[in-house]
Structure formats: structure tokens, C-alpha cells
């Protein structure tokens, strides 16, 4: 099915179109959920809740921008709302979907290193991790993050800075990266930010 056919089918509540939409985008969106989730079950809950919102709000998609991007925004907001609502701080996570993390530059040398970086991000405090994911990976501005998380823009900026510093320390300690000789952030190389 084409994307337009799926969209039209979903607008008419076609179970076949909804199934096709879910099959086409669920793996990518699950990888988004894993970056925010505390554990596998939370990630799957976020995904299910997010797709329920996608199906119930599909009539609001206006063909401005990519359909996948529209779905991703709903999933990210669902993850944020889930974190705000549940406040569970179990730090275990299944990293099987870490390989599908999308970075802004093609500079991560291997999938193993990408998984190691995601594993290290999981060690950050929830606030740092959330701001880092929203800003560096999802591309939201600090102003947008402040609105999403009900914090000050300056808090978003400082949490991002602290998250980068803490993550760099963790990566050096685990010998995933070497201490940079120059003041060039490894995260800037990976994400373009």
C-alpha cells in the first residue's frame, strides 16, 4: 500500500490500513520509545499509547511535512507525557533497538559503538537523559523542550550541558572514547550539535 492509501484507509477506520501503518512504522517508533523508557515494558506501553493517539488524531494530519515525522512527534510527546505521569526510575532497558538510533552525522564508526553510547546515555539521570534525547537526537529547541517539560529554557540548556559533560565522562571511563586533546565535543561530532 502507498502512504496515501494507508492514510486514506486510516481516515476511514480500515483495520487493514491501520495494521499496515503500524507494521510500517512501529519498529522505528519503538526505537524512539526505548531512548526515553525505563524498561522494555514501558517502551512498549509508550508505543501502544502513541499509536492509539496516531489513529485517533490522524484526521489532523495536513500533509505539511513528512507523515513519518508527524507520527514521530506524537510518539515523542507520548513518551514525555508517560515519563511525567508515571515517574518510574528503573534504569534497566533492552538495547536491541539501539542500532536504529538516528544521528545527524554518519560519524559513528560501528553499531557496537552506537549501542555502547545508548547504554551510557541510559546511565544519565532522567532529566539529563530526556533533555539530551530531545535536543541532540530529536532536534527540538531548548524553548520547545522547556514547554514540553514545564521547565525554564535556561534549565533545559543547563541540563543539556551537564548531560553532555556527564556522558563524556562516562564514555571516557568506559574507554569508549578517549579524552579529547582539543575542546571538541564528541557529541557535536555524533549529532551535529
N, C-alpha and C. Protein backbone atom coordinates (compact mmCIF):
# COMPACT_ATOMS: atom_id res chain seq x y z
N UNK A 1 0.85 -1.19 0.00
CA UNK A 1 0.00 0.00 0.00
C UNK A 1 0.88 1.24 0.00
N UNK A 2 0.43 2.26 -0.72
CA UNK A 2 1.15 3.52 -0.69
C UNK A 2 0.83 4.25 0.60
N UNK A 3 1.65 5.23 0.93
CA UNK A 3 1.40 6.03 2.14
C UNK A 3 0.04 6.73 2.05
N UNK A 4 -0.29 7.25 0.87
CA UNK A 4 -1.60 7.92 0.70
C UNK A 4 -2.75 6.95 0.91
N UNK A 5 -2.60 5.73 0.38
CA UNK A 5 -3.66 4.71 0.55
C UNK A 5 -3.81 4.34 2.02
N UNK A 6 -2.69 4.22 2.72
CA UNK A 6 -2.73 3.92 4.15
C UNK A 6 -3.43 5.05 4.89
N UNK A 7 -3.04 6.27 4.58
CA UNK A 7 -3.64 7.44 5.24
C UNK A 7 -5.14 7.49 4.99
N UNK A 8 -5.56 7.31 3.75
CA UNK A 8 -6.99 7.34 3.43
C UNK A 8 -7.74 6.21 4.13
N UNK A 9 -7.14 5.03 4.16
CA UNK A 9 -7.75 3.90 4.84
C UNK A 9 -7.90 4.14 6.33
N UNK A 10 -6.87 4.72 6.93
CA UNK A 10 -6.93 5.02 8.37
C UNK A 10 -8.00 6.08 8.66
N UNK A 11 -8.15 7.03 7.76
CA UNK A 11 -9.19 8.05 7.93
C UNK A 11 -10.58 7.42 7.92
N UNK A 12 -10.70 6.27 7.24
CA UNK A 12 -11.98 5.55 7.17
C UNK A 12 -12.05 4.41 8.19
N UNK A 13 -11.10 4.41 9.15
CA UNK A 13 -11.04 3.39 10.20
C UNK A 13 -10.88 1.97 9.66
N UNK A 14 -10.16 1.81 8.56
CA UNK A 14 -9.90 0.49 7.98
C UNK A 14 -8.86 -0.23 8.84
N UNK A 15 -9.24 -1.40 9.34
CA UNK A 15 -8.32 -2.21 10.16
C UNK A 15 -7.09 -2.62 9.35
N UNK A 16 -7.28 -2.90 8.07
CA UNK A 16 -6.17 -3.29 7.20
C UNK A 16 -5.16 -2.15 7.07
N UNK A 17 -5.65 -0.94 6.86
CA UNK A 17 -4.78 0.22 6.73
C UNK A 17 -4.08 0.52 8.06
N UNK A 18 -4.80 0.39 9.16
CA UNK A 18 -4.19 0.62 10.47
C UNK A 18 -3.09 -0.40 10.75
N UNK A 19 -3.32 -1.64 10.40
CA UNK A 19 -2.32 -2.68 10.57
C UNK A 19 -1.09 -2.38 9.72
N UNK A 20 -1.31 -1.96 8.48
CA UNK A 20 -0.20 -1.63 7.58
C UNK A 20 0.61 -0.45 8.12
N UNK A 21 -0.08 0.57 8.63
CA UNK A 21 0.60 1.73 9.21
C UNK A 21 1.45 1.30 10.40
N UNK A 22 0.88 0.49 11.27
CA UNK A 22 1.59 0.02 12.45
C UNK A 22 2.82 -0.81 12.04
N UNK A 23 2.65 -1.72 11.10
CA UNK A 23 3.77 -2.55 10.66
C UNK A 23 4.87 -1.73 10.00
N UNK A 24 4.49 -0.70 9.29
CA UNK A 24 5.47 0.12 8.58
C UNK A 24 6.32 0.97 9.53
N UNK A 25 5.71 1.49 10.59
CA UNK A 25 6.39 2.47 11.44
C UNK A 25 6.69 2.02 12.87
N UNK A 26 6.16 0.91 13.31
CA UNK A 26 6.30 0.54 14.72
C UNK A 26 7.75 0.29 15.14
N UNK A 27 8.56 -0.35 14.32
CA UNK A 27 9.95 -0.64 14.71
C UNK A 27 10.74 0.65 14.91
N UNK A 28 10.59 1.60 13.99
CA UNK A 28 11.29 2.89 14.13
C UNK A 28 10.82 3.64 15.37
N UNK A 29 9.52 3.62 15.60
CA UNK A 29 8.97 4.36 16.73
C UNK A 29 9.30 3.68 18.06
N UNK A 30 9.45 2.35 18.02
CA UNK A 30 9.85 1.65 19.24
C UNK A 30 11.27 2.06 19.64
N UNK A 31 12.13 2.28 18.66
CA UNK A 31 13.48 2.73 18.97
C UNK A 31 13.46 4.10 19.63
N UNK A 32 12.53 4.96 19.23
CA UNK A 32 12.36 6.26 19.88
C UNK A 32 11.93 6.04 21.33
N UNK A 33 10.96 5.18 21.53
CA UNK A 33 10.45 4.91 22.88
C UNK A 33 11.53 4.34 23.79
N UNK A 34 12.39 3.46 23.26
CA UNK A 34 13.46 2.87 24.06
C UNK A 34 14.40 3.92 24.62
N UNK A 35 14.63 4.98 23.89
CA UNK A 35 15.54 6.02 24.37
C UNK A 35 14.97 6.79 25.55
N UNK A 36 13.66 6.80 25.69
CA UNK A 36 13.03 7.52 26.79
C UNK A 36 12.59 6.59 27.92
N UNK A 37 12.37 5.33 27.62
CA UNK A 37 11.77 4.39 28.56
C UNK A 37 12.74 3.95 29.64
N UNK A 38 12.15 3.49 30.74
CA UNK A 38 12.93 2.96 31.85
C UNK A 38 13.17 1.47 31.68
N UNK A 39 12.32 0.81 30.93
CA UNK A 39 12.47 -0.63 30.71
C UNK A 39 11.66 -1.01 29.47
N UNK A 40 11.78 -2.27 29.08
CA UNK A 40 11.13 -2.75 27.86
C UNK A 40 9.61 -2.58 27.91
N UNK A 41 9.02 -2.90 29.04
CA UNK A 41 7.56 -2.80 29.18
C UNK A 41 7.08 -1.36 29.01
N UNK A 42 7.82 -0.42 29.61
CA UNK A 42 7.45 0.99 29.46
C UNK A 42 7.54 1.43 28.00
N UNK A 43 8.60 0.98 27.30
CA UNK A 43 8.76 1.34 25.89
C UNK A 43 7.59 0.82 25.07
N UNK A 44 7.19 -0.41 25.33
CA UNK A 44 6.07 -0.99 24.60
C UNK A 44 4.76 -0.28 24.95
N UNK A 45 4.59 0.09 26.22
CA UNK A 45 3.40 0.86 26.62
C UNK A 45 3.36 2.21 25.91
N UNK A 46 4.51 2.88 25.87
CA UNK A 46 4.59 4.17 25.19
C UNK A 46 4.23 4.03 23.71
N UNK A 47 4.74 2.97 23.09
CA UNK A 47 4.47 2.72 21.67
C UNK A 47 2.97 2.52 21.44
N UNK A 48 2.37 1.66 22.24
CA UNK A 48 0.93 1.38 22.08
C UNK A 48 0.09 2.64 22.30
N UNK A 49 0.41 3.36 23.37
CA UNK A 49 -0.32 4.59 23.66
C UNK A 49 -0.13 5.60 22.53
N UNK A 50 1.09 5.67 22.01
CA UNK A 50 1.39 6.59 20.92
C UNK A 50 0.60 6.25 19.66
N UNK A 51 0.52 4.98 19.31
CA UNK A 51 -0.22 4.60 18.11
C UNK A 51 -1.73 4.78 18.29
N UNK A 52 -2.22 4.62 19.49
CA UNK A 52 -3.64 4.93 19.74
C UNK A 52 -3.89 6.41 19.43
N UNK A 53 -2.97 7.26 19.86
CA UNK A 53 -3.09 8.70 19.57
C UNK A 53 -2.98 8.96 18.07
N UNK A 54 -2.05 8.27 17.41
CA UNK A 54 -1.89 8.45 15.96
C UNK A 54 -3.21 8.14 15.27
N UNK A 55 -3.81 7.00 15.60
CA UNK A 55 -5.07 6.61 14.95
C UNK A 55 -6.22 7.55 15.29
N UNK A 56 -6.25 8.03 16.52
CA UNK A 56 -7.36 8.92 16.91
C UNK A 56 -7.17 10.34 16.39
N UNK A 57 -5.92 10.72 16.09
CA UNK A 57 -5.65 12.09 15.63
C UNK A 57 -5.28 12.17 14.15
N UNK A 58 -5.39 11.07 13.44
CA UNK A 58 -4.93 11.03 12.05
C UNK A 58 -5.65 12.07 11.18
N UNK A 59 -6.85 12.41 11.55
CA UNK A 59 -7.60 13.41 10.79
C UNK A 59 -6.96 14.80 10.88
N UNK A 60 -6.04 15.01 11.83
CA UNK A 60 -5.39 16.32 11.97
C UNK A 60 -4.14 16.45 11.10
N UNK A 61 -3.68 15.34 10.51
CA UNK A 61 -2.51 15.41 9.63
C UNK A 61 -2.89 16.19 8.38
N UNK A 62 -2.10 17.23 8.07
CA UNK A 62 -2.45 18.14 6.98
C UNK A 62 -1.52 18.05 5.78
N UNK A 63 -0.77 16.96 5.65
CA UNK A 63 0.18 16.80 4.54
C UNK A 63 1.22 17.92 4.48
N UNK A 64 1.51 18.52 5.62
CA UNK A 64 2.59 19.51 5.70
C UNK A 64 3.76 18.82 6.38
N UNK A 65 4.77 18.50 5.63
CA UNK A 65 5.89 17.75 6.17
C UNK A 65 5.65 16.26 5.99
N UNK A 66 6.61 15.50 6.46
CA UNK A 66 6.56 14.04 6.29
C UNK A 66 5.58 13.41 7.27
N UNK A 67 4.87 12.41 6.79
CA UNK A 67 3.92 11.67 7.61
C UNK A 67 4.66 10.97 8.76
N UNK A 68 5.81 10.39 8.45
CA UNK A 68 6.61 9.74 9.49
C UNK A 68 7.03 10.73 10.57
N UNK A 69 7.39 11.94 10.18
CA UNK A 69 7.76 12.98 11.15
C UNK A 69 6.60 13.34 12.05
N UNK A 70 5.39 13.39 11.48
CA UNK A 70 4.18 13.67 12.26
C UNK A 70 3.95 12.57 13.29
N UNK A 71 4.11 11.31 12.86
CA UNK A 71 3.95 10.18 13.78
C UNK A 71 5.01 10.26 14.88
N UNK A 72 6.24 10.55 14.50
CA UNK A 72 7.35 10.63 15.46
C UNK A 72 7.09 11.69 16.53
N UNK A 73 6.55 12.85 16.13
CA UNK A 73 6.24 13.90 17.11
C UNK A 73 5.21 13.41 18.12
N UNK A 74 4.21 12.70 17.65
CA UNK A 74 3.19 12.16 18.56
C UNK A 74 3.83 11.16 19.52
N UNK A 75 4.69 10.30 19.01
CA UNK A 75 5.36 9.30 19.85
C UNK A 75 6.24 9.98 20.89
N UNK A 76 7.02 10.98 20.49
CA UNK A 76 7.90 11.69 21.44
C UNK A 76 7.06 12.35 22.53
N UNK A 77 5.98 13.03 22.15
CA UNK A 77 5.13 13.67 23.15
C UNK A 77 4.49 12.64 24.07
N UNK A 78 4.13 11.50 23.52
CA UNK A 78 3.57 10.42 24.34
C UNK A 78 4.61 9.94 25.35
N UNK A 79 5.85 9.78 24.92
CA UNK A 79 6.93 9.36 25.82
C UNK A 79 7.11 10.37 26.95
N UNK A 80 7.14 11.64 26.60
CA UNK A 80 7.31 12.70 27.62
C UNK A 80 6.15 12.66 28.61
N UNK A 81 4.94 12.56 28.10
CA UNK A 81 3.77 12.51 28.98
C UNK A 81 3.81 11.27 29.88
N UNK A 82 4.25 10.16 29.34
CA UNK A 82 4.37 8.93 30.11
C UNK A 82 5.37 9.11 31.26
N UNK A 83 6.51 9.73 30.96
CA UNK A 83 7.52 9.97 32.00
C UNK A 83 6.99 10.90 33.07
N UNK A 84 6.30 11.96 32.66
CA UNK A 84 5.74 12.91 33.63
C UNK A 84 4.70 12.23 34.52
N UNK A 85 3.87 11.40 33.91
CA UNK A 85 2.76 10.77 34.61
C UNK A 85 3.22 9.67 35.56
N UNK A 86 4.13 8.83 35.12
CA UNK A 86 4.48 7.64 35.88
C UNK A 86 5.68 7.77 36.80
N UNK A 87 6.62 8.58 36.44
CA UNK A 87 7.81 8.82 37.28
C UNK A 87 8.44 7.53 37.82
N UNK A 88 8.57 6.53 36.96
CA UNK A 88 9.25 5.29 37.34
C UNK A 88 10.72 5.45 36.99
N UNK A 89 11.61 5.12 37.92
CA UNK A 89 13.03 5.34 37.69
C UNK A 89 13.85 4.06 37.66
N UNK A 90 13.27 2.98 37.17
CA UNK A 90 14.01 1.74 36.96
C UNK A 90 14.90 1.95 35.74
N UNK A 91 16.20 1.80 35.90
CA UNK A 91 17.14 2.16 34.84
C UNK A 91 17.47 1.05 33.85
N UNK A 92 16.88 -0.14 33.98
CA UNK A 92 17.22 -1.19 33.04
C UNK A 92 16.49 -0.97 31.72
N UNK A 93 17.12 -1.36 30.63
CA UNK A 93 16.50 -1.22 29.31
C UNK A 93 17.08 -2.27 28.37
N UNK A 94 16.27 -2.70 27.46
CA UNK A 94 16.70 -3.64 26.43
C UNK A 94 17.26 -2.82 25.28
N UNK A 95 18.48 -3.09 24.87
CA UNK A 95 19.15 -2.26 23.86
C UNK A 95 19.07 -2.83 22.45
N UNK A 96 18.18 -3.78 22.21
CA UNK A 96 18.14 -4.40 20.89
C UNK A 96 17.81 -3.41 19.78
N UNK A 97 17.15 -2.33 20.10
CA UNK A 97 16.78 -1.36 19.07
C UNK A 97 17.73 -0.17 19.00
N UNK A 98 18.82 -0.21 19.74
CA UNK A 98 19.76 0.91 19.73
C UNK A 98 20.37 1.13 18.36
N UNK A 99 20.45 0.08 17.55
CA UNK A 99 21.07 0.22 16.23
C UNK A 99 20.27 1.12 15.31
N UNK A 100 19.00 1.35 15.62
CA UNK A 100 18.19 2.20 14.74
C UNK A 100 18.15 3.65 15.20
N UNK A 101 18.99 4.01 16.19
CA UNK A 101 19.06 5.40 16.60
C UNK A 101 19.57 6.22 15.42
N UNK A 102 18.95 7.33 15.18
CA UNK A 102 19.34 8.16 14.04
C UNK A 102 20.12 9.36 14.55
N UNK A 103 21.33 9.53 14.03
CA UNK A 103 22.15 10.67 14.39
C UNK A 103 22.29 11.57 13.17
N UNK A 104 22.69 12.80 13.40
CA UNK A 104 22.74 13.78 12.33
C UNK A 104 23.95 13.63 11.41
N UNK A 105 24.96 12.94 11.85
CA UNK A 105 26.16 12.74 11.03
C UNK A 105 26.43 11.25 10.92
N UNK A 106 27.13 10.85 9.89
CA UNK A 106 27.47 9.44 9.69
C UNK A 106 28.83 9.13 10.33
N UNK A 107 29.10 9.64 11.53
CA UNK A 107 30.43 9.50 12.09
C UNK A 107 30.55 8.42 13.16
N UNK A 108 29.48 7.75 13.52
CA UNK A 108 29.61 6.66 14.49
C UNK A 108 30.23 5.48 13.75
N UNK A 109 31.42 5.06 14.15
CA UNK A 109 32.15 4.06 13.38
C UNK A 109 31.49 2.69 13.31
N UNK A 110 30.71 2.31 14.30
CA UNK A 110 30.12 0.98 14.25
C UNK A 110 28.86 0.92 15.07
N UNK A 111 28.03 -0.08 14.77
CA UNK A 111 26.80 -0.31 15.51
C UNK A 111 27.12 -0.62 16.97
N UNK A 112 28.23 -1.32 17.21
CA UNK A 112 28.62 -1.65 18.58
C UNK A 112 28.84 -0.37 19.36
N UNK A 113 29.52 0.60 18.76
CA UNK A 113 29.77 1.86 19.45
C UNK A 113 28.45 2.60 19.68
N UNK A 114 27.55 2.59 18.72
CA UNK A 114 26.26 3.25 18.90
C UNK A 114 25.51 2.63 20.06
N UNK A 115 25.53 1.31 20.17
CA UNK A 115 24.87 0.64 21.29
C UNK A 115 25.52 1.00 22.61
N UNK A 116 26.85 1.11 22.61
CA UNK A 116 27.56 1.49 23.83
C UNK A 116 27.19 2.91 24.26
N UNK A 117 27.07 3.81 23.29
CA UNK A 117 26.69 5.19 23.61
C UNK A 117 25.28 5.23 24.18
N UNK A 118 24.35 4.49 23.56
CA UNK A 118 22.98 4.44 24.07
C UNK A 118 22.96 3.86 25.48
N UNK A 119 23.75 2.82 25.70
CA UNK A 119 23.83 2.22 27.04
C UNK A 119 24.33 3.24 28.05
N UNK A 120 25.30 4.05 27.67
CA UNK A 120 25.83 5.07 28.57
C UNK A 120 24.82 6.20 28.79
N UNK A 121 24.06 6.55 27.77
CA UNK A 121 23.01 7.56 27.94
C UNK A 121 22.02 7.08 28.98
N UNK A 122 21.76 5.78 29.02
CA UNK A 122 20.82 5.21 29.99
C UNK A 122 21.29 5.42 31.43
N UNK A 123 22.59 5.66 31.62
CA UNK A 123 23.14 5.88 32.96
C UNK A 123 22.92 7.29 33.48
N UNK A 124 22.53 8.19 32.59
CA UNK A 124 22.30 9.58 33.00
C UNK A 124 21.03 9.70 33.83
N UNK A 125 20.98 10.68 34.73
CA UNK A 125 19.72 10.94 35.45
C UNK A 125 18.61 11.25 34.44
N UNK A 126 17.39 10.94 34.79
CA UNK A 126 16.26 11.04 33.87
C UNK A 126 16.13 12.42 33.22
N UNK A 127 16.33 13.49 33.97
CA UNK A 127 16.23 14.83 33.41
C UNK A 127 17.28 15.10 32.35
N UNK A 128 18.51 14.73 32.66
CA UNK A 128 19.60 14.90 31.70
C UNK A 128 19.32 14.08 30.44
N UNK A 129 18.97 12.81 30.65
CA UNK A 129 18.72 11.91 29.53
C UNK A 129 17.60 12.42 28.64
N UNK A 130 16.54 12.90 29.24
CA UNK A 130 15.39 13.37 28.47
C UNK A 130 15.75 14.60 27.64
N UNK A 131 16.41 15.57 28.25
CA UNK A 131 16.80 16.78 27.52
C UNK A 131 17.80 16.44 26.42
N UNK A 132 18.77 15.57 26.71
CA UNK A 132 19.75 15.17 25.71
C UNK A 132 19.06 14.52 24.51
N UNK A 133 18.14 13.60 24.76
CA UNK A 133 17.41 12.95 23.67
C UNK A 133 16.59 13.95 22.87
N UNK A 134 15.88 14.83 23.55
CA UNK A 134 15.02 15.79 22.85
C UNK A 134 15.84 16.76 22.01
N UNK A 135 16.93 17.26 22.57
CA UNK A 135 17.70 18.27 21.86
C UNK A 135 18.64 17.67 20.81
N UNK A 136 19.50 16.73 21.25
CA UNK A 136 20.56 16.23 20.37
C UNK A 136 20.06 15.23 19.34
N UNK A 137 19.08 14.41 19.70
CA UNK A 137 18.63 13.37 18.78
C UNK A 137 17.36 13.77 18.04
N UNK A 138 16.38 14.28 18.77
CA UNK A 138 15.10 14.63 18.14
C UNK A 138 15.13 16.00 17.48
N UNK A 139 16.06 16.87 17.88
CA UNK A 139 16.20 18.16 17.22
C UNK A 139 15.28 19.27 17.71
N UNK A 140 14.68 19.09 18.88
CA UNK A 140 13.84 20.16 19.43
C UNK A 140 14.72 21.27 19.97
N UNK A 141 14.21 22.50 19.96
CA UNK A 141 14.95 23.63 20.52
C UNK A 141 14.77 23.62 22.04
N UNK A 142 15.63 24.36 22.72
CA UNK A 142 15.50 24.45 24.18
C UNK A 142 14.18 25.10 24.57
N UNK A 143 13.72 26.01 23.76
CA UNK A 143 12.42 26.66 24.03
C UNK A 143 11.29 25.63 23.94
N UNK A 144 11.32 24.79 22.91
CA UNK A 144 10.30 23.74 22.77
C UNK A 144 10.38 22.73 23.90
N UNK A 145 11.60 22.38 24.29
CA UNK A 145 11.79 21.42 25.38
C UNK A 145 11.24 22.00 26.68
N UNK A 146 11.50 23.28 26.91
CA UNK A 146 11.00 23.93 28.13
C UNK A 146 9.48 23.84 28.21
N UNK A 147 8.81 24.06 27.10
CA UNK A 147 7.35 23.97 27.07
C UNK A 147 6.90 22.53 27.32
N UNK A 148 7.55 21.57 26.65
CA UNK A 148 7.17 20.16 26.80
C UNK A 148 7.32 19.66 28.23
N UNK A 149 8.42 20.06 28.87
CA UNK A 149 8.73 19.53 30.19
C UNK A 149 8.30 20.45 31.34
N UNK A 150 7.69 21.56 31.01
CA UNK A 150 7.28 22.54 32.02
C UNK A 150 8.46 23.00 32.87
N UNK A 151 9.56 23.37 32.19
CA UNK A 151 10.74 23.89 32.86
C UNK A 151 11.14 25.20 32.18
N UNK A 152 12.08 25.89 32.77
CA UNK A 152 12.60 27.11 32.16
C UNK A 152 13.53 26.73 31.01
N UNK A 153 13.62 27.60 30.02
CA UNK A 153 14.53 27.37 28.90
C UNK A 153 15.97 27.26 29.38
N UNK A 154 16.34 28.07 30.36
CA UNK A 154 17.70 28.02 30.90
C UNK A 154 17.97 26.68 31.60
N UNK A 155 16.94 26.09 32.18
CA UNK A 155 17.09 24.77 32.80
C UNK A 155 17.37 23.72 31.74
N UNK A 156 16.67 23.81 30.62
CA UNK A 156 16.91 22.88 29.52
C UNK A 156 18.35 23.00 29.04
N UNK A 157 18.80 24.24 28.86
CA UNK A 157 20.18 24.46 28.39
C UNK A 157 21.20 23.90 29.38
N UNK A 158 21.02 24.18 30.66
CA UNK A 158 21.99 23.72 31.66
C UNK A 158 21.96 22.20 31.80
N UNK A 159 20.75 21.60 31.73
CA UNK A 159 20.68 20.14 31.82
C UNK A 159 21.35 19.50 30.61
N UNK A 160 21.20 20.11 29.44
CA UNK A 160 21.85 19.59 28.25
C UNK A 160 23.38 19.66 28.39
N UNK A 161 23.87 20.79 28.86
CA UNK A 161 25.31 20.97 29.04
C UNK A 161 25.85 19.96 30.05
N UNK A 162 25.14 19.81 31.18
CA UNK A 162 25.57 18.85 32.19
C UNK A 162 25.48 17.42 31.67
N UNK A 163 24.45 17.14 30.89
CA UNK A 163 24.29 15.79 30.32
C UNK A 163 25.46 15.47 29.40
N UNK A 164 25.85 16.42 28.55
CA UNK A 164 26.99 16.19 27.66
C UNK A 164 28.26 15.93 28.46
N UNK A 165 28.48 16.75 29.49
CA UNK A 165 29.68 16.59 30.30
C UNK A 165 29.70 15.23 31.01
N UNK A 166 28.57 14.88 31.63
CA UNK A 166 28.49 13.62 32.35
C UNK A 166 28.64 12.44 31.40
N UNK A 167 28.00 12.52 30.25
CA UNK A 167 28.09 11.44 29.28
C UNK A 167 29.51 11.28 28.76
N UNK A 168 30.17 12.39 28.50
CA UNK A 168 31.56 12.31 28.05
C UNK A 168 32.43 11.64 29.10
N UNK A 169 32.21 11.98 30.37
CA UNK A 169 32.96 11.36 31.46
C UNK A 169 32.70 9.85 31.50
N UNK A 170 31.46 9.45 31.34
CA UNK A 170 31.11 8.03 31.37
C UNK A 170 31.77 7.31 30.19
N UNK A 171 31.71 7.92 29.01
CA UNK A 171 32.31 7.30 27.82
C UNK A 171 33.83 7.16 27.95
N UNK A 172 34.47 8.14 28.56
CA UNK A 172 35.92 8.07 28.78
C UNK A 172 36.23 6.99 29.81
N UNK A 173 35.46 6.97 30.89
CA UNK A 173 35.67 5.98 31.95
C UNK A 173 35.49 4.56 31.43
N UNK A 174 34.53 4.35 30.55
CA UNK A 174 34.28 3.02 29.98
C UNK A 174 35.17 2.74 28.77
N UNK A 175 36.05 3.70 28.45
CA UNK A 175 37.01 3.56 27.36
C UNK A 175 36.35 3.40 25.99
N UNK A 176 35.20 4.02 25.84
CA UNK A 176 34.51 4.03 24.55
C UNK A 176 35.09 5.14 23.68
N UNK A 177 35.45 6.23 24.33
CA UNK A 177 36.17 7.32 23.64
C UNK A 177 37.39 7.67 24.48
N UNK A 178 38.32 8.38 23.86
CA UNK A 178 39.48 8.87 24.58
C UNK A 178 39.23 10.31 24.96
N UNK A 179 39.91 10.74 26.00
CA UNK A 179 39.79 12.14 26.41
C UNK A 179 40.26 13.01 25.26
N UNK A 180 39.38 13.93 24.80
CA UNK A 180 39.76 14.76 23.65
C UNK A 180 40.93 15.68 23.98
N UNK A 181 41.87 15.78 23.02
CA UNK A 181 43.02 16.67 23.19
C UNK A 181 42.59 18.12 23.04
N UNK A 182 41.62 18.35 22.18
CA UNK A 182 41.09 19.69 21.96
C UNK A 182 39.72 19.78 22.60
N UNK A 183 39.21 20.97 22.72
CA UNK A 183 37.89 21.17 23.32
C UNK A 183 36.81 21.00 22.25
N UNK A 184 36.75 19.81 21.65
CA UNK A 184 35.73 19.49 20.66
C UNK A 184 34.84 18.44 21.28
N UNK A 185 33.59 18.73 21.37
CA UNK A 185 32.66 17.80 22.00
C UNK A 185 32.43 16.59 21.11
N UNK A 186 32.56 15.39 21.67
CA UNK A 186 32.26 14.17 20.94
C UNK A 186 30.82 14.18 20.49
N UNK A 187 29.91 14.78 21.29
CA UNK A 187 28.50 14.77 20.95
C UNK A 187 28.25 15.63 19.72
N UNK A 188 29.00 16.71 19.57
CA UNK A 188 28.85 17.55 18.37
C UNK A 188 29.22 16.74 17.13
N UNK A 189 30.26 15.93 17.26
CA UNK A 189 30.68 15.09 16.13
C UNK A 189 29.58 14.09 15.79
N UNK A 190 28.97 13.49 16.82
CA UNK A 190 27.96 12.46 16.59
C UNK A 190 26.65 13.05 16.09
N UNK A 191 26.20 14.16 16.67
CA UNK A 191 24.87 14.66 16.37
C UNK A 191 24.85 15.92 15.51
N UNK A 192 25.98 16.57 15.35
CA UNK A 192 25.98 17.82 14.60
C UNK A 192 25.59 19.01 15.46
N UNK A 193 25.42 18.80 16.78
CA UNK A 193 25.02 19.88 17.68
C UNK A 193 26.07 20.11 18.74
